[in-house]
């Protein structure tokens, strides 16, 4: 039983630098997309004469 408990943490998948960089890139792209969407909404509102 003790051997199982010691070996279990070794089975967990460790993220490498490439995976971490990929996650950061995904998050940055998602945030940029949200900003573009907000800008598009602002342009549409301005075209309609609405102010937010």
Foldseek 3Di string as FASTA:
>chain_A
DVVCVVCVVVPDDDDDPVNVVVVVVVVVVVVVVVVVVVVVVCVVCVVVVHDD
